Protein backbone atom coordinates (compact mmCIF):
# COMPACT_ATOMS: atom_id res chain seq x y z
CA MET A 1 -24.63 180.75 -70.20
CA PHE A 2 -25.03 182.84 -73.09
CA PHE A 3 -22.30 184.64 -75.57
CA THR A 4 -23.47 187.19 -78.20
CA SER A 5 -21.71 188.03 -81.56
CA ASN A 6 -20.87 191.63 -82.11
CA SER A 7 -19.00 193.43 -85.17
CA SER A 8 -15.42 193.48 -82.97
CA LEU A 9 -15.12 189.72 -82.97
CA SER A 10 -13.35 187.60 -85.85
CA THR A 11 -14.39 184.23 -87.54
CA GLY A 12 -13.22 181.68 -85.58
CA LYS A 13 -13.04 183.12 -82.31
CA LYS A 14 -13.96 180.69 -79.39
CA ALA A 15 -15.58 180.58 -75.92
CA TRP A 16 -14.77 177.96 -73.75
CA LEU A 17 -16.78 176.58 -70.50
CA ILE A 18 -14.83 173.78 -68.79
CA SER A 19 -16.42 171.55 -66.04
CA GLU A 20 -14.41 170.53 -63.14
CA THR A 21 -12.43 167.08 -63.31
CA PHE A 22 -14.57 163.89 -63.42
CA GLN A 23 -13.34 160.35 -62.34
CA PRO A 24 -13.41 157.80 -64.88
CA THR A 25 -16.78 156.57 -66.04
CA SER A 26 -18.17 152.85 -65.80
CA PRO A 27 -19.26 150.33 -68.14
CA SER A 28 -23.00 151.35 -67.37
CA GLY A 29 -22.57 154.67 -69.04
CA ARG A 30 -23.23 158.28 -68.29
CA CYS A 31 -25.71 160.65 -70.11
CA MET A 32 -25.36 164.43 -70.11
CA SER A 33 -28.22 166.72 -70.96
CA PHE A 34 -29.02 170.46 -71.28
CA TRP A 35 -31.15 172.88 -73.12
CA TYR A 36 -29.60 175.07 -75.94
CA PHE A 37 -30.35 178.00 -78.30
CA MET A 38 -28.67 179.58 -81.33
CA THR A 39 -30.25 182.37 -83.10
CA GLY A 40 -29.09 185.20 -85.41
CA ASN A 41 -27.14 185.33 -88.72
CA VAL A 42 -23.60 184.41 -87.96
CA GLN A 43 -23.48 181.04 -88.69
CA SER A 44 -21.94 179.77 -85.16
CA THR A 45 -20.85 176.76 -83.79
CA LEU A 46 -21.54 175.11 -80.41
CA ASN A 47 -19.28 172.01 -79.58
CA ILE A 48 -19.03 169.62 -76.70
CA ARG A 49 -15.65 168.16 -76.28
CA ILE A 50 -14.58 165.48 -73.72
CA ARG A 51 -10.90 166.46 -72.51
CA ILE A 52 -8.39 163.24 -71.11
CA PRO A 53 -5.34 165.46 -69.78
CA ASP A 54 -3.49 162.04 -69.08
CA ILE A 55 -3.20 160.67 -72.54
CA ASN A 56 -3.16 164.43 -73.85
CA LYS A 57 -6.63 163.69 -75.62
CA ASP A 58 -9.30 166.26 -77.04
CA GLU A 59 -12.49 164.81 -78.58
CA TYR A 60 -15.49 166.32 -80.07
CA VAL A 61 -18.64 164.20 -78.81
CA TRP A 62 -21.72 166.60 -79.88
CA GLN A 63 -21.58 169.32 -82.35
CA ILE A 64 -24.56 172.04 -83.90
CA LYS A 65 -23.76 174.93 -86.22
CA ASP A 66 -25.47 177.04 -88.55
CA THR A 67 -28.89 176.88 -86.89
CA ASN A 68 -31.11 179.80 -86.48
CA GLN A 69 -33.91 178.73 -83.98
CA ALA A 70 -35.59 182.07 -83.30
CA SER A 71 -34.36 181.85 -79.66
CA ASN A 72 -36.26 178.79 -79.06
CA TRP A 73 -34.60 176.27 -76.47
CA GLN A 74 -34.08 172.98 -77.64
CA GLN A 75 -32.82 169.68 -75.63
CA ALA A 76 -30.02 168.05 -76.16
CA ARG A 77 -28.43 164.70 -74.83
CA LEU A 78 -25.03 163.03 -75.44
CA PRO A 79 -23.76 159.72 -74.08
CA ILE A 80 -20.74 160.39 -72.29
CA PRO A 81 -18.39 157.17 -73.83
CA VAL A 82 -16.43 154.77 -71.66
CA ILE A 83 -13.56 156.32 -70.02
CA SER A 84 -10.74 154.85 -68.22
CA HIS A 85 -9.19 158.29 -67.42
CA ASP A 86 -9.93 161.13 -65.57
CA TYR A 87 -11.58 163.66 -67.67
CA THR A 88 -13.31 167.21 -68.04
CA VAL A 89 -16.60 168.52 -70.36
CA VAL A 90 -15.74 171.29 -72.49
CA PHE A 91 -18.60 173.25 -73.80
CA GLU A 92 -17.09 175.61 -76.90
CA GLY A 93 -19.00 178.38 -78.91
CA VAL A 94 -17.53 179.18 -82.16
CA TYR A 95 -18.19 182.76 -83.78
CA GLY A 96 -19.15 182.06 -87.21
CA ALA A 97 -18.33 183.90 -90.73
CA LYS A 98 -18.46 187.60 -90.80
CA THR A 99 -21.46 189.32 -91.87
CA THR A 100 -23.26 192.69 -92.09
CA ASN A 101 -24.75 194.03 -88.75
CA PRO A 102 -24.44 190.58 -87.09
CA ILE A 103 -26.60 189.90 -84.47
CA GLY A 104 -27.18 186.60 -82.66
CA GLY A 105 -26.12 184.36 -79.70
CA ILE A 106 -25.57 180.95 -78.20
CA GLY A 107 -26.78 179.92 -75.18
CA PHE A 108 -27.30 176.87 -72.77
CA ASP A 109 -29.54 176.23 -69.66
CA ASP A 110 -30.24 173.29 -66.87
CA VAL A 111 -27.09 170.95 -67.18
CA SER A 112 -27.62 167.67 -65.30
CA PHE A 113 -26.19 164.14 -65.63
CA THR A 114 -27.81 160.71 -64.98
CA ASP A 115 -26.49 157.52 -64.27
CA SER A 116 -27.42 155.71 -67.57
CA SER A 117 -26.58 155.63 -71.21
CA CYS A 118 -28.59 157.67 -74.09
CA ALA A 119 -28.89 158.49 -77.63
CA ILE A 120 -27.61 161.48 -79.08
CA LEU A 121 -29.96 164.56 -79.39
CA PRO A 122 -30.61 166.10 -81.63
CA ALA A 123 -29.94 163.13 -84.20
CA ASN A 124 -27.72 165.46 -86.49
CA ALA A 125 -25.30 166.64 -83.27
CA ALA A 126 -22.71 163.74 -84.33
CA PRO A 127 -19.50 165.88 -84.86
CA SER A 128 -17.98 166.04 -88.23
CA ALA A 129 -14.53 167.23 -87.39
CA GLN A 130 -11.96 167.02 -84.51
CA PRO A 131 -10.37 169.99 -82.44
CA SER A 132 -7.22 171.52 -83.17
CA GLN A 133 -6.59 173.82 -80.27
CA ARG A 134 -7.15 172.96 -76.43
CA PRO A 135 -8.80 175.07 -74.00
CA THR A 136 -6.44 175.66 -70.64
CA GLN A 137 -7.58 173.90 -67.66
CA VAL A 138 -8.59 176.19 -64.66
CA THR A 139 -7.14 175.31 -61.30
CA GLY A 140 -9.69 175.19 -58.05
CA THR A 141 -12.57 173.10 -56.74
CA PRO A 142 -15.56 175.02 -56.16
CA THR A 143 -18.04 173.31 -53.52
CA GLY A 144 -21.87 173.09 -53.93
CA ALA A 145 -24.73 171.23 -55.81
CA ILE A 146 -23.98 169.79 -59.30
CA ASN A 147 -27.24 170.21 -60.67
CA CYS A 148 -28.46 173.60 -61.29
CA ASP A 149 -31.38 175.41 -62.81
CA PHE A 150 -30.04 179.00 -61.81
CA GLU A 151 -33.30 180.06 -60.45
CA LYS A 152 -32.07 181.66 -57.49
CA ASP A 153 -28.05 181.77 -57.52
CA PHE A 154 -25.17 179.73 -59.13
CA CYS A 155 -25.66 176.71 -56.90
CA GLY A 156 -21.85 176.55 -56.28
CA TRP A 157 -20.77 176.93 -59.99
CA VAL A 158 -17.94 179.68 -59.95
CA SER A 159 -17.10 182.10 -62.61
CA ASP A 160 -13.33 181.93 -63.51
CA THR A 161 -11.99 185.46 -62.46
CA ALA A 162 -8.88 184.85 -64.08
CA ALA A 163 -10.96 184.88 -67.21
CA GLN A 164 -11.38 188.35 -69.36
CA ILE A 165 -15.31 187.81 -69.36
CA GLN A 166 -17.41 186.72 -66.44
CA TRP A 167 -20.47 184.91 -66.50
CA SER A 168 -23.90 186.50 -65.19
CA ARG A 169 -26.99 185.09 -63.70
CA ASN A 170 -29.84 186.87 -65.42
CA VAL A 171 -34.01 186.79 -65.51
CA GLY A 172 -36.01 187.82 -68.82
CA SER A 173 -33.97 188.97 -71.83
CA THR A 174 -30.51 190.01 -71.92
CA SER A 175 -29.40 193.79 -72.23
CA SER A 176 -28.17 193.61 -75.68
CA ILE A 177 -30.71 194.40 -77.96
CA GLY A 178 -31.12 191.57 -80.51
CA THR A 179 -29.38 188.96 -78.58
CA GLY A 180 -29.69 186.21 -76.17
CA PRO A 181 -33.43 184.37 -75.20
CA SER A 182 -36.14 186.44 -73.99
CA GLY A 183 -36.16 184.30 -70.95
CA ASP A 184 -34.76 181.09 -69.52
CA HIS A 185 -36.05 177.39 -70.60
CA THR A 186 -37.00 176.05 -67.15
CA LYS A 187 -40.05 178.15 -66.21
CA SER A 188 -41.24 179.52 -69.46
CA GLY A 189 -38.95 182.45 -69.48
CA ALA A 190 -39.84 183.52 -66.07
CA GLY A 191 -36.86 181.91 -64.44
CA GLY A 192 -32.99 182.38 -64.24
CA TYR A 193 -30.09 181.39 -66.55
CA ILE A 194 -26.45 182.38 -66.80
CA TYR A 195 -25.02 183.99 -69.78
CA MET A 196 -21.78 185.72 -71.11
CA GLU A 197 -22.12 189.30 -72.51
CA ALA A 198 -19.69 189.64 -75.68
CA SER A 199 -20.35 193.12 -76.44
CA SER A 200 -17.46 195.47 -76.44
CA LYS A 201 -15.20 192.74 -75.74
CA SER A 202 -11.99 191.92 -77.55
CA SER A 203 -11.41 188.92 -80.02
CA GLY A 204 -10.24 186.23 -78.03
CA ASP A 205 -11.31 187.00 -74.79
CA LYS A 206 -12.66 183.91 -72.83
CA ALA A 207 -15.37 183.27 -70.20
CA ARG A 208 -14.82 180.16 -67.92
CA ILE A 209 -17.23 178.58 -65.28
CA LEU A 210 -16.25 175.83 -62.84
CA SER A 211 -18.72 172.97 -61.81
CA PRO A 212 -18.90 171.83 -58.00
CA LYS A 213 -16.74 168.98 -57.14
CA VAL A 214 -18.70 165.79 -58.21
CA THR A 215 -18.84 162.42 -56.25
CA ALA A 216 -17.19 159.49 -58.31
CA GLY A 217 -19.99 157.65 -60.37
CA THR A 218 -21.51 157.16 -63.64
CA TYR A 219 -23.60 160.03 -64.76
CA CYS A 220 -25.37 161.57 -67.61
CA LEU A 221 -25.18 165.34 -68.24
CA GLN A 222 -28.51 166.96 -69.51
């Protein structure tokens, strides 16, 4: 997944990527892991939310902002708290403050879960605030493999065609100059990843992708 900054976006605009609905966690814990990058001069934010529709709750559990990593992939982990209700995981990219000639973007790759607890990574990713706006849940149940490195295809993950922007699979650098990584994380740049192209889009446009159905259990997303 990847989205870029451009001059048509307004400060605070968001892109959401919502998982399918997961069943309650067990006391043994669940860990989510993924790789991410943030680059450019826009001071954007990448948040992970846990959304629990049954009790109308939305909570940040991981947050990184204002980080220019020069397109280097960084590993992230977060513990999924014990939850007694069905829930979804939401990736949220937030466009930062306006600047002259904005360039940059946020991306992530290689999302997975394990049946264990884990410590938050990086250590400074503990959120400092809670969300004031909830993304809309998309209906539908894709089928396929939940673990995906996006090397050959989407592995059963589905881009929501009702959204204004679609997720695309890519190998190598993105088509927009000065945005995105030079390649994926898994195969030292030679493999595939998915991204969202934000150039020439309108403020508030969204892109959503749904995971395949996940069998009930305790997992860690990484």
